[in-house]
Amino acid sequence: MAIAFASFGVAHAGEPAAQPVAAVDELPPGQEVSPTVIELAGWVVASRDSEGYPFAIMDKAAAQILVFGGDGRLRGAAPALFGSAVGDHVAPGIAGLALREIPGRDRTTPAGRFVGGFGPSIDAGRVLWVDYDSAVSIHPTATGVPAERRAERLASPTPDDNRISHGCINVSPEFYEQIMSPTFERGGVFYILPDEMPLAEVFPEFAQSRAHAKRGGREARAARK
Protein backbone atom coordinates (compact mmCIF):
# COMPACT_ATOMS: atom_id res chain seq x y z
CA MET A 1 0.00 0.00 0.00
CA ALA A 2 1.50 3.32 -1.08
CA ILE A 3 0.13 5.12 1.98
CA ALA A 4 0.92 2.64 4.72
CA PHE A 5 3.81 4.73 6.03
CA ALA A 6 1.44 7.64 6.71
CA SER A 7 -0.10 5.91 9.74
CA PHE A 8 0.72 7.36 13.14
CA GLY A 9 -0.24 5.57 16.34
CA VAL A 10 -0.35 7.25 19.74
CA ALA A 11 0.25 4.96 22.71
CA HIS A 12 -0.82 5.91 26.24
CA ALA A 13 0.26 4.25 29.48
CA GLY A 14 -2.17 1.64 30.67
CA GLU A 15 -3.92 1.25 27.33
CA PRO A 16 -3.93 -2.16 25.66
CA ALA A 17 -2.05 -2.35 22.40
CA ALA A 18 -4.39 -1.66 19.49
CA GLN A 19 -4.67 -4.37 16.91
CA PRO A 20 -3.54 -3.12 13.50
CA VAL A 21 -6.35 -2.74 11.00
CA ALA A 22 -5.69 -2.48 7.28
CA ALA A 23 -6.56 0.97 5.97
CA VAL A 24 -8.88 1.31 3.00
CA ASP A 25 -6.82 2.48 0.03
CA GLU A 26 -8.80 3.80 -2.94
CA LEU A 27 -5.95 5.86 -4.39
CA PRO A 28 -5.02 5.06 -8.00
CA PRO A 29 -2.16 2.54 -8.30
CA GLY A 30 1.21 4.20 -7.93
CA GLN A 31 -0.18 7.53 -6.72
CA GLU A 32 1.85 8.76 -3.76
CA VAL A 33 0.96 10.97 -0.81
CA SER A 34 2.90 14.24 -0.60
CA PRO A 35 5.57 14.74 2.10
CA THR A 36 3.61 17.78 3.33
CA VAL A 37 0.54 15.64 4.05
CA ILE A 38 2.64 13.06 5.86
CA GLU A 39 4.41 15.73 7.93
CA LEU A 40 1.12 17.45 8.77
CA ALA A 41 -0.43 14.16 9.91
CA GLY A 42 2.57 13.48 12.14
CA TRP A 43 2.37 16.98 13.60
CA VAL A 44 -1.38 16.70 14.31
CA VAL A 45 -0.78 13.51 16.28
CA ALA A 46 2.39 14.68 18.07
CA SER A 47 0.89 18.04 19.07
CA ARG A 48 -2.57 16.58 19.74
CA ASP A 49 -3.94 19.40 17.60
CA SER A 50 -7.13 17.43 16.93
CA GLU A 51 -7.56 16.95 20.71
CA GLY A 52 -8.11 13.23 20.32
CA TYR A 53 -10.82 13.56 17.69
CA PRO A 54 -10.53 11.83 14.33
CA PHE A 55 -9.22 14.02 11.56
CA ALA A 56 -8.90 14.22 7.81
CA ILE A 57 -6.28 15.90 5.64
CA MET A 58 -7.28 17.04 2.17
CA ASP A 59 -4.75 17.83 -0.54
CA LYS A 60 -6.50 19.77 -3.30
CA ALA A 61 -3.52 19.71 -5.65
CA ALA A 62 -3.33 15.91 -5.53
CA ALA A 63 -7.13 15.50 -5.18
CA GLN A 64 -6.70 13.25 -2.14
CA ILE A 65 -8.27 12.81 1.26
CA LEU A 66 -6.63 10.87 4.11
CA VAL A 67 -8.67 9.93 7.16
CA PHE A 68 -7.25 9.17 10.61
CA GLY A 69 -8.90 7.90 13.77
CA GLY A 70 -8.63 9.66 17.10
CA ASP A 71 -5.74 7.33 17.90
CA GLY A 72 -3.80 8.72 14.94
CA ARG A 73 -4.04 5.53 12.90
CA LEU A 74 -4.75 5.80 9.20
CA ARG A 75 -8.23 4.55 8.38
CA GLY A 76 -8.40 5.29 4.71
CA ALA A 77 -7.21 7.28 1.72
CA ALA A 78 -9.13 8.08 -1.43
CA PRO A 79 -9.36 10.43 -4.37
CA ALA A 80 -11.76 13.35 -3.94
CA LEU A 81 -13.42 16.06 -5.99
CA PHE A 82 -13.01 19.70 -4.99
CA GLY A 83 -14.24 23.16 -5.98
CA SER A 84 -13.90 23.97 -9.67
CA ALA A 85 -12.22 27.32 -8.95
CA VAL A 86 -8.61 27.41 -7.79
CA GLY A 87 -8.35 29.45 -4.61
CA ASP A 88 -8.59 29.32 -0.84
CA HIS A 89 -11.04 32.11 -0.04
CA VAL A 90 -14.67 31.97 1.02
CA ALA A 91 -16.85 34.57 -0.69
CA PRO A 92 -18.99 36.63 1.73
CA GLY A 93 -22.59 35.43 1.86
CA ILE A 94 -21.94 32.31 -0.19
CA ALA A 95 -23.73 30.08 2.31
CA GLY A 96 -27.00 31.83 1.51
CA LEU A 97 -26.80 31.26 -2.24
CA ALA A 98 -28.31 28.45 -4.26
CA LEU A 99 -25.70 26.40 -6.11
CA ARG A 100 -26.67 27.88 -9.48
CA GLU A 101 -26.20 31.38 -8.05
CA ILE A 102 -22.55 30.88 -7.00
CA PRO A 103 -20.24 32.66 -9.48
CA GLY A 104 -17.61 30.44 -11.08
CA ARG A 105 -14.75 32.36 -9.43
CA ASP A 106 -16.22 31.64 -5.98
CA ARG A 107 -16.62 27.88 -6.39
CA THR A 108 -13.59 27.28 -4.21
CA THR A 109 -12.85 24.77 -1.48
CA PRO A 110 -11.44 26.91 1.34
CA ALA A 111 -8.13 26.08 2.96
CA GLY A 112 -7.64 25.84 6.71
CA ARG A 113 -8.43 23.94 9.88
CA PHE A 114 -12.11 23.29 10.49
CA VAL A 115 -14.04 21.55 13.25
CA GLY A 116 -17.11 19.85 11.87
CA GLY A 117 -19.50 16.95 12.03
CA PHE A 118 -22.81 15.59 10.84
CA GLY A 119 -25.82 17.86 10.82
CA PRO A 120 -28.94 18.78 8.85
CA SER A 121 -28.96 20.72 5.60
CA ILE A 122 -31.76 22.52 3.83
CA ASP A 123 -31.79 20.49 0.64
CA ALA A 124 -29.59 17.41 1.14
CA GLY A 125 -30.72 15.89 4.41
CA ARG A 126 -28.03 14.94 6.92
CA VAL A 127 -24.55 15.83 5.68
CA LEU A 128 -21.00 15.83 7.01
CA TRP A 129 -20.22 19.50 7.51
CA VAL A 130 -16.59 20.60 7.23
CA ASP A 131 -17.51 24.26 7.78
CA TYR A 132 -21.16 25.12 8.26
CA ASP A 133 -20.66 28.89 7.94
CA SER A 134 -19.24 28.58 4.43
CA ALA A 135 -21.57 25.70 3.49
CA VAL A 136 -18.72 23.27 2.78
CA SER A 137 -19.47 19.61 3.35
CA ILE A 138 -18.23 16.17 2.37
CA HIS A 139 -20.69 13.94 0.60
CA PRO A 140 -20.70 10.96 -1.76
CA THR A 141 -20.81 11.44 -5.49
CA ALA A 142 -24.30 11.26 -6.90
CA THR A 143 -25.70 11.16 -10.38
CA GLY A 144 -26.31 14.93 -10.27
CA VAL A 145 -25.63 16.48 -13.66
CA PRO A 146 -24.62 13.61 -15.99
CA ALA A 147 -22.48 15.93 -18.12
CA GLU A 148 -20.20 16.57 -15.13
CA ARG A 149 -19.19 12.87 -15.05
CA ARG A 150 -18.29 13.08 -11.37
CA ALA A 151 -17.95 9.33 -10.84
CA GLU A 152 -15.69 9.06 -13.86
CA ARG A 153 -13.57 12.00 -12.71
CA LEU A 154 -13.19 10.40 -9.29
CA ALA A 155 -12.08 7.12 -10.84
CA SER A 156 -9.55 8.65 -13.25
CA PRO A 157 -5.86 7.90 -12.55
CA THR A 158 -4.77 11.55 -12.24
CA PRO A 159 -6.00 14.60 -10.28
CA ASP A 160 -6.21 16.73 -13.43
CA ASP A 161 -10.00 16.45 -13.77
CA ASN A 162 -10.99 16.46 -10.09
CA ARG A 163 -11.97 20.13 -9.84
CA ILE A 164 -15.70 20.18 -10.60
CA SER A 165 -17.80 20.91 -7.48
CA HIS A 166 -19.26 24.19 -6.21
CA GLY A 167 -16.87 23.98 -3.26
CA CYS A 168 -17.87 20.82 -1.42
CA ILE A 169 -15.76 17.67 -1.31
CA ASN A 170 -16.99 14.49 -3.01
CA VAL A 171 -15.79 10.95 -2.33
CA SER A 172 -17.03 7.60 -3.58
CA PRO A 173 -20.23 6.27 -1.96
CA GLU A 174 -18.29 3.23 -0.71
CA PHE A 175 -15.60 5.34 0.98
CA TYR A 176 -18.22 7.61 2.48
CA GLU A 177 -20.19 4.76 4.02
CA GLN A 178 -17.24 2.61 5.03
CA ILE A 179 -14.87 5.31 6.32
CA MET A 180 -16.33 8.80 6.57
CA SER A 181 -19.62 7.99 8.29
CA PRO A 182 -18.33 5.80 11.14
CA THR A 183 -15.13 7.80 11.68
CA PHE A 184 -16.84 11.19 12.04
CA GLU A 185 -20.06 10.06 13.69
CA ARG A 186 -19.21 12.29 16.67
CA GLY A 187 -17.40 14.98 14.72
CA GLY A 188 -13.78 15.67 13.95
CA VAL A 189 -11.20 18.07 12.58
CA PHE A 190 -10.57 18.76 8.90
CA TYR A 191 -7.34 20.15 7.45
CA ILE A 192 -7.45 21.43 3.87
CA LEU A 193 -4.15 22.33 2.23
CA PRO A 194 -4.08 25.58 0.24
CA ASP A 195 -3.96 26.11 -3.50
CA GLU A 196 -2.29 29.51 -3.37
CA MET A 197 -1.96 30.82 0.18
CA PRO A 198 1.37 30.26 1.98
CA LEU A 199 1.29 27.19 4.19
CA ALA A 200 2.58 29.33 7.08
CA GLU A 201 -0.51 31.52 6.80
CA VAL A 202 -2.96 28.62 6.76
CA PHE A 203 -1.26 26.44 9.42
CA PRO A 204 1.16 28.74 11.29
CA GLU A 205 1.93 26.40 14.20
CA PHE A 206 2.63 23.47 11.89
CA ALA A 207 4.85 25.62 9.69
CA GLN A 208 6.82 26.83 12.71
CA SER A 209 7.30 23.28 13.97
CA ARG A 210 8.36 22.14 10.50
CA ALA A 211 10.90 24.96 10.17
CA HIS A 212 12.28 24.23 13.63
CA ALA A 213 12.69 20.54 12.81
CA LYS A 214 14.51 21.31 9.56
CA ARG A 215 16.77 23.81 11.30
CA GLY A 216 17.59 21.26 13.98
CA GLY A 217 18.41 18.69 11.31
CA ARG A 218 20.80 21.05 9.55
CA GLU A 219 22.52 21.89 12.83
CA ALA A 220 22.89 18.19 13.70
CA ARG A 221 24.44 17.45 10.30
CA ALA A 222 26.81 20.38 10.66
CA ALA A 223 27.92 19.15 14.10
CA ARG A 224 28.86 15.76 12.66
CA LYS A 225 31.18 17.28 10.05
C-alpha atoms as a PDB file:
ATOM      1  CA  MET A   1       0.000   0.000   0.000  1.00  0.00           C
ATOM      2  CA  ALA A   2       1.499   3.318  -1.077  1.00  0.00           C
ATOM      3  CA  ILE A   3       0.134   5.122   1.982  1.00  0.00           C
ATOM      4  CA  ALA A   4       0.922   2.639   4.718  1.00  0.00           C
ATOM      5  CA  PHE A   5       3.807   4.727   6.032  1.00  0.00           C
ATOM      6  CA  ALA A   6       1.436   7.637   6.706  1.00  0.00           C
ATOM      7  CA  SER A   7      -0.101   5.911   9.739  1.00  0.00           C
ATOM      8  CA  PHE A   8       0.723   7.360  13.137  1.00  0.00           C
ATOM      9  CA  GLY A   9      -0.236   5.571  16.341  1.00  0.00           C
ATOM     10  CA  VAL A  10      -0.350   7.255  19.743  1.00  0.00           C
ATOM     11  CA  ALA A  11       0.246   4.958  22.710  1.00  0.00           C
ATOM     12  CA  HIS A  12      -0.822   5.913  26.238  1.00  0.00           C
ATOM     13  CA  ALA A  13       0.261   4.255  29.482  1.00  0.00           C
ATOM     14  CA  GLY A  14      -2.169   1.642  30.672  1.00  0.00           C
ATOM     15  CA  GLU A  15      -3.917   1.255  27.332  1.00  0.00           C
ATOM     16  CA  PRO A  16      -3.928  -2.155  25.661  1.00  0.00           C
ATOM     17  CA  ALA A  17      -2.045  -2.350  22.395  1.00  0.00           C
ATOM     18  CA  ALA A  18      -4.391  -1.662  19.490  1.00  0.00           C
ATOM     19  CA  GLN A  19      -4.674  -4.374  16.907  1.00  0.00           C
ATOM     20  CA  PRO A  20      -3.538  -3.124  13.500  1.00  0.00           C
ATOM     21  CA  VAL A  21      -6.352  -2.739  10.998  1.00  0.00           C
ATOM     22  CA  ALA A  22      -5.694  -2.484   7.280  1.00  0.00           C
ATOM     23  CA  ALA A  23      -6.558   0.966   5.971  1.00  0.00           C
ATOM     24  CA  VAL A  24      -8.877   1.310   3.002  1.00  0.00           C
ATOM     25  CA  ASP A  25      -6.823   2.482   0.031  1.00  0.00           C
ATOM     26  CA  GLU A  26      -8.797   3.802  -2.944  1.00  0.00           C
ATOM     27  CA  LEU A  27      -5.951   5.861  -4.394  1.00  0.00           C
ATOM     28  CA  PRO A  28      -5.022   5.061  -7.999  1.00  0.00           C
ATOM     29  CA  PRO A  29      -2.156   2.539  -8.296  1.00  0.00           C
ATOM     30  CA  GLY A  30       1.214   4.198  -7.929  1.00  0.00           C
ATOM     31  CA  GLN A  31      -0.180   7.529  -6.721  1.00  0.00           C
ATOM     32  CA  GLU A  32       1.855   8.758  -3.758  1.00  0.00           C
ATOM     33  CA  VAL A  33       0.960  10.968  -0.808  1.00  0.00           C
ATOM     34  CA  SER A  34       2.899  14.238  -0.599  1.00  0.00           C
ATOM     35  CA  PRO A  35       5.572  14.743   2.098  1.00  0.00           C
ATOM     36  CA  THR A  36       3.608  17.781   3.334  1.00  0.00           C
ATOM     37  CA  VAL A  37       0.543  15.643   4.047  1.00  0.00           C
ATOM     38  CA  ILE A  38       2.642  13.062   5.859  1.00  0.00           C
ATOM     39  CA  GLU A  39       4.408  15.728   7.934  1.00  0.00           C
ATOM     40  CA  LEU A  40       1.116  17.446   8.767  1.00  0.00           C
ATOM     41  CA  ALA A  41      -0.428  14.159   9.908  1.00  0.00           C
ATOM     42  CA  GLY A  42       2.566  13.482  12.139  1.00  0.00           C
ATOM     43  CA  TRP A  43       2.370  16.982  13.603  1.00  0.00           C
ATOM     44  CA  VAL A  44      -1.375  16.700  14.305  1.00  0.00           C
ATOM     45  CA  VAL A  45      -0.776  13.514  16.279  1.00  0.00           C
ATOM     46  CA  ALA A  46       2.391  14.678  18.067  1.00  0.00           C
ATOM     47  CA  SER A  47       0.893  18.041  19.075  1.00  0.00           C
ATOM     48  CA  ARG A  48      -2.573  16.585  19.742  1.00  0.00           C
ATOM     49  CA  ASP A  49      -3.942  19.395  17.603  1.00  0.00           C
ATOM     50  CA  SER A  50      -7.129  17.434  16.935  1.00  0.00           C
ATOM     51  CA  GLU A  51      -7.565  16.952  20.706  1.00  0.00           C
ATOM     52  CA  GLY A  52      -8.109  13.229  20.316  1.00  0.00           C
ATOM     53  CA  TYR A  53     -10.816  13.562  17.693  1.00  0.00           C
ATOM     54  CA  PRO A  54     -10.533  11.831  14.328  1.00  0.00           C
ATOM     55  CA  PHE A  55      -9.216  14.024  11.559  1.00  0.00           C
ATOM     56  CA  ALA A  56      -8.898  14.217   7.810  1.00  0.00           C
ATOM     57  CA  ILE A  57      -6.280  15.904   5.640  1.00  0.00           C
ATOM     58  CA  MET A  58      -7.281  17.042   2.168  1.00  0.00           C
ATOM     59  CA  ASP A  59      -4.747  17.833  -0.542  1.00  0.00           C
ATOM     60  CA  LYS A  60      -6.503  19.772  -3.299  1.00  0.00           C
ATOM     61  CA  ALA A  61      -3.521  19.714  -5.654  1.00  0.00           C
ATOM     62  CA  ALA A  62      -3.333  15.911  -5.526  1.00  0.00           C
ATOM     63  CA  ALA A  63      -7.126  15.505  -5.176  1.00  0.00           C
ATOM     64  CA  GLN A  64      -6.702  13.250  -2.145  1.00  0.00           C
ATOM     65  CA  ILE A  65      -8.275  12.806   1.262  1.00  0.00           C
ATOM     66  CA  LEU A  66      -6.630  10.872   4.110  1.00  0.00           C
ATOM     67  CA  VAL A  67      -8.667   9.932   7.158  1.00  0.00           C
ATOM     68  CA  PHE A  68      -7.245   9.165  10.607  1.00  0.00           C
ATOM     69  CA  GLY A  69      -8.899   7.904  13.767  1.00  0.00           C
ATOM     70  CA  GLY A  70      -8.634   9.658  17.103  1.00  0.00           C
ATOM     71  CA  ASP A  71      -5.741   7.325  17.899  1.00  0.00           C
ATOM     72  CA  GLY A  72      -3.804   8.718  14.940  1.00  0.00           C
ATOM     73  CA  ARG A  73      -4.041   5.533  12.905  1.00  0.00           C
ATOM     74  CA  LEU A  74      -4.746   5.801   9.204  1.00  0.00           C
ATOM     75  CA  ARG A  75      -8.233   4.553   8.377  1.00  0.00           C
ATOM     76  CA  GLY A  76      -8.398   5.295   4.706  1.00  0.00           C
ATOM     77  CA  ALA A  77      -7.213   7.284   1.720  1.00  0.00           C
ATOM     78  CA  ALA A  78      -9.129   8.081  -1.428  1.00  0.00           C
ATOM     79  CA  PRO A  79      -9.364  10.433  -4.373  1.00  0.00           C
ATOM     80  CA  ALA A  80     -11.756  13.347  -3.937  1.00  0.00           C
ATOM     81  CA  LEU A  81     -13.416  16.058  -5.985  1.00  0.00           C
ATOM     82  CA  PHE A  82     -13.009  19.703  -4.987  1.00  0.00           C
ATOM     83  CA  GLY A  83     -14.237  23.156  -5.975  1.00  0.00           C
ATOM     84  CA  SER A  84     -13.899  23.967  -9.671  1.00  0.00           C
ATOM     85  CA  ALA A  85     -12.222  27.320  -8.950  1.00  0.00           C
ATOM     86  CA  VAL A  86      -8.615  27.411  -7.790  1.00  0.00           C
ATOM     87  CA  GLY A  87      -8.351  29.454  -4.610  1.00  0.00           C
ATOM     88  CA  ASP A  88      -8.590  29.315  -0.840  1.00  0.00           C
ATOM     89  CA  HIS A  89     -11.042  32.106  -0.042  1.00  0.00           C
ATOM     90  CA  VAL A  90     -14.673  31.973   1.016  1.00  0.00           C
ATOM     91  CA  ALA A  91     -16.845  34.574  -0.687  1.00  0.00           C
ATOM     92  CA  PRO A  92     -18.995  36.634   1.730  1.00  0.00           C
ATOM     93  CA  GLY A  93     -22.588  35.429   1.861  1.00  0.00           C
ATOM     94  CA  ILE A  94     -21.942  32.312  -0.189  1.00  0.00           C
ATOM     95  CA  ALA A  95     -23.731  30.078   2.308  1.00  0.00           C
ATOM     96  CA  GLY A  96     -26.996  31.834   1.512  1.00  0.00           C
ATOM     97  CA  LEU A  97     -26.802  31.258  -2.241  1.00  0.00           C
ATOM     98  CA  ALA A  98     -28.313  28.449  -4.256  1.00  0.00           C
ATOM     99  CA  LEU A  99     -25.703  26.395  -6.115  1.00  0.00           C
ATOM    100  CA  ARG A 100     -26.666  27.880  -9.482  1.00  0.00           C
ATOM    101  CA  GLU A 101     -26.198  31.378  -8.051  1.00  0.00           C
ATOM    102  CA  ILE A 102     -22.548  30.882  -7.000  1.00  0.00           C
ATOM    103  CA  PRO A 103     -20.239  32.664  -9.477  1.00  0.00           C
ATOM    104  CA  GLY A 104     -17.608  30.444 -11.080  1.00  0.00           C
ATOM    105  CA  ARG A 105     -14.750  32.356  -9.433  1.00  0.00           C
ATOM    106  CA  ASP A 106     -16.215  31.643  -5.981  1.00  0.00           C
ATOM    107  CA  ARG A 107     -16.619  27.883  -6.394  1.00  0.00           C
ATOM    108  CA  THR A 108     -13.593  27.283  -4.210  1.00  0.00           C
ATOM    109  CA  THR A 109     -12.852  24.768  -1.482  1.00  0.00           C
ATOM    110  CA  PRO A 110     -11.440  26.911   1.340  1.00  0.00           C
ATOM    111  CA  ALA A 111      -8.126  26.084   2.959  1.00  0.00           C
ATOM    112  CA  GLY A 112      -7.640  25.836   6.708  1.00  0.00           C
ATOM    113  CA  ARG A 113      -8.428  23.942   9.876  1.00  0.00           C
ATOM    114  CA  PHE A 114     -12.109  23.289  10.490  1.00  0.00           C
ATOM    115  CA  VAL A 115     -14.045  21.553  13.249  1.00  0.00           C
ATOM    116  CA  GLY A 116     -17.111  19.855  11.865  1.00  0.00           C
ATOM    117  CA  GLY A 117     -19.499  16.951  12.032  1.00  0.00           C
ATOM    118  CA  PHE A 118     -22.814  15.590  10.845  1.00  0.00           C
ATOM    119  CA  GLY A 119     -25.823  17.861  10.817  1.00  0.00           C
ATOM    120  CA  PRO A 120     -28.940  18.778   8.853  1.00  0.00           C
ATOM    121  CA  SER A 121     -28.961  20.725   5.605  1.00  0.00           C
ATOM    122  CA  ILE A 122     -31.759  22.524   3.827  1.00  0.00           C
ATOM    123  CA  ASP A 123     -31.785  20.492   0.639  1.00  0.00           C
ATOM    124  CA  ALA A 124     -29.587  17.409   1.136  1.00  0.00           C
ATOM    125  CA  GLY A 125     -30.723  15.888   4.413  1.00  0.00           C
ATOM    126  CA  ARG A 126     -28.034  14.938   6.919  1.00  0.00           C
ATOM    127  CA  VAL A 127     -24.550  15.825   5.677  1.00  0.00           C
ATOM    128  CA  LEU A 128     -20.998  15.827   7.011  1.00  0.00           C
ATOM    129  CA  TRP A 129     -20.222  19.504   7.508  1.00  0.00           C
ATOM    130  CA  VAL A 130     -16.595  20.605   7.226  1.00  0.00           C
ATOM    131  CA  ASP A 131     -17.506  24.255   7.781  1.00  0.00           C
ATOM    132  CA  TYR A 132     -21.164  25.122   8.257  1.00  0.00           C
ATOM    133  CA  ASP A 133     -20.657  28.892   7.938  1.00  0.00           C
ATOM    134  CA  SER A 134     -19.235  28.583   4.430  1.00  0.00           C
ATOM    135  CA  ALA A 135     -21.569  25.698   3.493  1.00  0.00           C
ATOM    136  CA  VAL A 136     -18.716  23.272   2.775  1.00  0.00           C
ATOM    137  CA  SER A 137     -19.474  19.611   3.352  1.00  0.00           C
ATOM    138  CA  ILE A 138     -18.233  16.168   2.367  1.00  0.00           C
ATOM    139  CA  HIS A 139     -20.691  13.942   0.595  1.00  0.00           C
ATOM    140  CA  PRO A 140     -20.702  10.956  -1.759  1.00  0.00           C
ATOM    141  CA  THR A 141     -20.812  11.438  -5.494  1.00  0.00           C
ATOM    142  CA  ALA A 142     -24.302  11.263  -6.897  1.00  0.00           C
ATOM    143  CA  THR A 143     -25.702  11.163 -10.381  1.00  0.00           C
ATOM    144  CA  GLY A 144     -26.313  14.934 -10.271  1.00  0.00           C
ATOM    145  CA  VAL A 145     -25.627  16.477 -13.664  1.00  0.00           C
ATOM    146  CA  PRO A 146     -24.619  13.613 -15.992  1.00  0.00           C
ATOM    147  CA  ALA A 147     -22.478  15.931 -18.123  1.00  0.00           C
ATOM    148  CA  GLU A 148     -20.202  16.574 -15.125  1.00  0.00           C
ATOM    149  CA  ARG A 149     -19.193  12.873 -15.046  1.00  0.00           C
ATOM    150  CA  ARG A 150     -18.294  13.083 -11.365  1.00  0.00           C
ATOM    151  CA  ALA A 151     -17.953   9.334 -10.839  1.00  0.00           C
ATOM    152  CA  GLU A 152     -15.689   9.062 -13.862  1.00  0.00           C
ATOM    153  CA  ARG A 153     -13.570  11.997 -12.712  1.00  0.00           C
ATOM    154  CA  LEU A 154     -13.192  10.402  -9.289  1.00  0.00           C
ATOM    155  CA  ALA A 155     -12.079   7.120 -10.838  1.00  0.00           C
ATOM    156  CA  SER A 156      -9.553   8.652 -13.248  1.00  0.00           C
ATOM    157  CA  PRO A 157      -5.858   7.904 -12.545  1.00  0.00           C
ATOM    158  CA  THR A 158      -4.769  11.552 -12.240  1.00  0.00           C
ATOM    159  CA  PRO A 159      -5.999  14.604 -10.282  1.00  0.00           C
ATOM    160  CA  ASP A 160      -6.210  16.726 -13.431  1.00  0.00           C
ATOM    161  CA  ASP A 161     -10.003  16.450 -13.767  1.00  0.00           C
ATOM    162  CA  ASN A 162     -10.986  16.462 -10.088  1.00  0.00           C
ATOM    163  CA  ARG A 163     -11.972  20.134  -9.845  1.00  0.00           C
ATOM    164  CA  ILE A 164     -15.696  20.181 -10.595  1.00  0.00           C
ATOM    165  CA  SER A 165     -17.796  20.910  -7.482  1.00  0.00           C
ATOM    166  CA  HIS A 166     -19.261  24.187  -6.211  1.00  0.00           C
ATOM    167  CA  GLY A 167     -16.865  23.976  -3.256  1.00  0.00           C
ATOM    168  CA  CYS A 168     -17.871  20.820  -1.420  1.00  0.00           C
ATOM    169  CA  ILE A 169     -15.762  17.670  -1.315  1.00  0.00           C
ATOM    170  CA  ASN A 170     -16.987  14.486  -3.010  1.00  0.00           C
ATOM    171  CA  VAL A 171     -15.786  10.945  -2.328  1.00  0.00           C
ATOM    172  CA  SER A 172     -17.031   7.598  -3.585  1.00  0.00           C
ATOM    173  CA  PRO A 173     -20.227   6.275  -1.955  1.00  0.00           C
ATOM    174  CA  GLU A 174     -18.292   3.233  -0.710  1.00  0.00           C
ATOM    175  CA  PHE A 175     -15.595   5.337   0.976  1.00  0.00           C
ATOM    176  CA  TYR A 176     -18.221   7.614   2.480  1.00  0.00           C
ATOM    177  CA  GLU A 177     -20.194   4.765   4.023  1.00  0.00           C
ATOM    178  CA  GLN A 178     -17.242   2.610   5.031  1.00  0.00           C
ATOM    179  CA  ILE A 179     -14.868   5.306   6.318  1.00  0.00           C
ATOM    180  CA  MET A 180     -16.329   8.800   6.574  1.00  0.00           C
ATOM    181  CA  SER A 181     -19.618   7.992   8.292  1.00  0.00           C
ATOM    182  CA  PRO A 182     -18.329   5.800  11.135  1.00  0.00           C
ATOM    183  CA  THR A 183     -15.133   7.801  11.680  1.00  0.00           C
ATOM    184  CA  PHE A 184     -16.838  11.192  12.043  1.00  0.00           C
ATOM    185  CA  GLU A 185     -20.061  10.062  13.687  1.00  0.00           C
ATOM    186  CA  ARG A 186     -19.212  12.295  16.672  1.00  0.00           C
ATOM    187  CA  GLY A 187     -17.403  14.979  14.719  1.00  0.00           C
ATOM    188  CA  GLY A 188     -13.778  15.672  13.948  1.00  0.00           C
ATOM    189  CA  VAL A 189     -11.199  18.075  12.580  1.00  0.00           C
ATOM    190  CA  PHE A 190     -10.573  18.758   8.901  1.00  0.00           C
ATOM    191  CA  TYR A 191      -7.342  20.153   7.453  1.00  0.00           C
ATOM    192  CA  ILE A 192      -7.450  21.427   3.869  1.00  0.00           C
ATOM    193  CA  LEU A 193      -4.149  22.329   2.227  1.00  0.00           C
ATOM    194  CA  PRO A 194      -4.081  25.580   0.243  1.00  0.00           C
ATOM    195  CA  ASP A 195      -3.962  26.106  -3.498  1.00  0.00           C
ATOM    196  CA  GLU A 196      -2.288  29.506  -3.366  1.00  0.00           C
ATOM    197  CA  MET A 197      -1.955  30.823   0.181  1.00  0.00           C
ATOM    198  CA  PRO A 198       1.368  30.265   1.979  1.00  0.00           C
ATOM    199  CA  LEU A 199       1.292  27.187   4.193  1.00  0.00           C
ATOM    200  CA  ALA A 200       2.581  29.327   7.081  1.00  0.00           C
ATOM    201  CA  GLU A 201      -0.509  31.522   6.804  1.00  0.00           C
ATOM    202  CA  VAL A 202      -2.959  28.621   6.760  1.00  0.00           C
ATOM    203  CA  PHE A 203      -1.265  26.439   9.419  1.00  0.00           C
ATOM    204  CA  PRO A 204       1.164  28.737  11.289  1.00  0.00           C
ATOM    205  CA  GLU A 205       1.925  26.396  14.199  1.00  0.00           C
ATOM    206  CA  PHE A 206       2.626  23.473  11.894  1.00  0.00           C
ATOM    207  CA  ALA A 207       4.847  25.622   9.685  1.00  0.00           C
ATOM    208  CA  GLN A 208       6.818  26.831  12.714  1.00  0.00           C
ATOM    209  CA  SER A 209       7.300  23.279  13.965  1.00  0.00           C
ATOM    210  CA  ARG A 210       8.356  22.145  10.497  1.00  0.00           C
ATOM    211  CA  ALA A 211      10.897  24.961  10.170  1.00  0.00           C
ATOM    212  CA  HIS A 212      12.276  24.228  13.626  1.00  0.00           C
ATOM    213  CA  ALA A 213      12.693  20.535  12.809  1.00  0.00           C
ATOM    214  CA  LYS A 214      14.506  21.306   9.561  1.00  0.00           C
ATOM    215  CA  ARG A 215      16.771  23.805  11.297  1.00  0.00           C
ATOM    216  CA  GLY A 216      17.586  21.261  13.983  1.00  0.00           C
ATOM    217  CA  GLY A 217      18.406  18.686  11.313  1.00  0.00           C
ATOM    218  CA  ARG A 218      20.799  21.048   9.554  1.00  0.00           C
ATOM    219  CA  GLU A 219      22.521  21.886  12.833  1.00  0.00           C
ATOM    220  CA  ALA A 220      22.889  18.186  13.695  1.00  0.00           C
ATOM    221  CA  ARG A 221      24.438  17.448  10.304  1.00  0.00           C
ATOM    222  CA  ALA A 222      26.807  20.377  10.659  1.00  0.00           C
ATOM    223  CA  ALA A 223      27.917  19.153  14.101  1.00  0.00           C
ATOM    224  CA  ARG A 224      28.862  15.762  12.657  1.00  0.00           C
ATOM    225  CA  LYS A 225      31.179  17.282  10.049  1.00  0.00           C
END
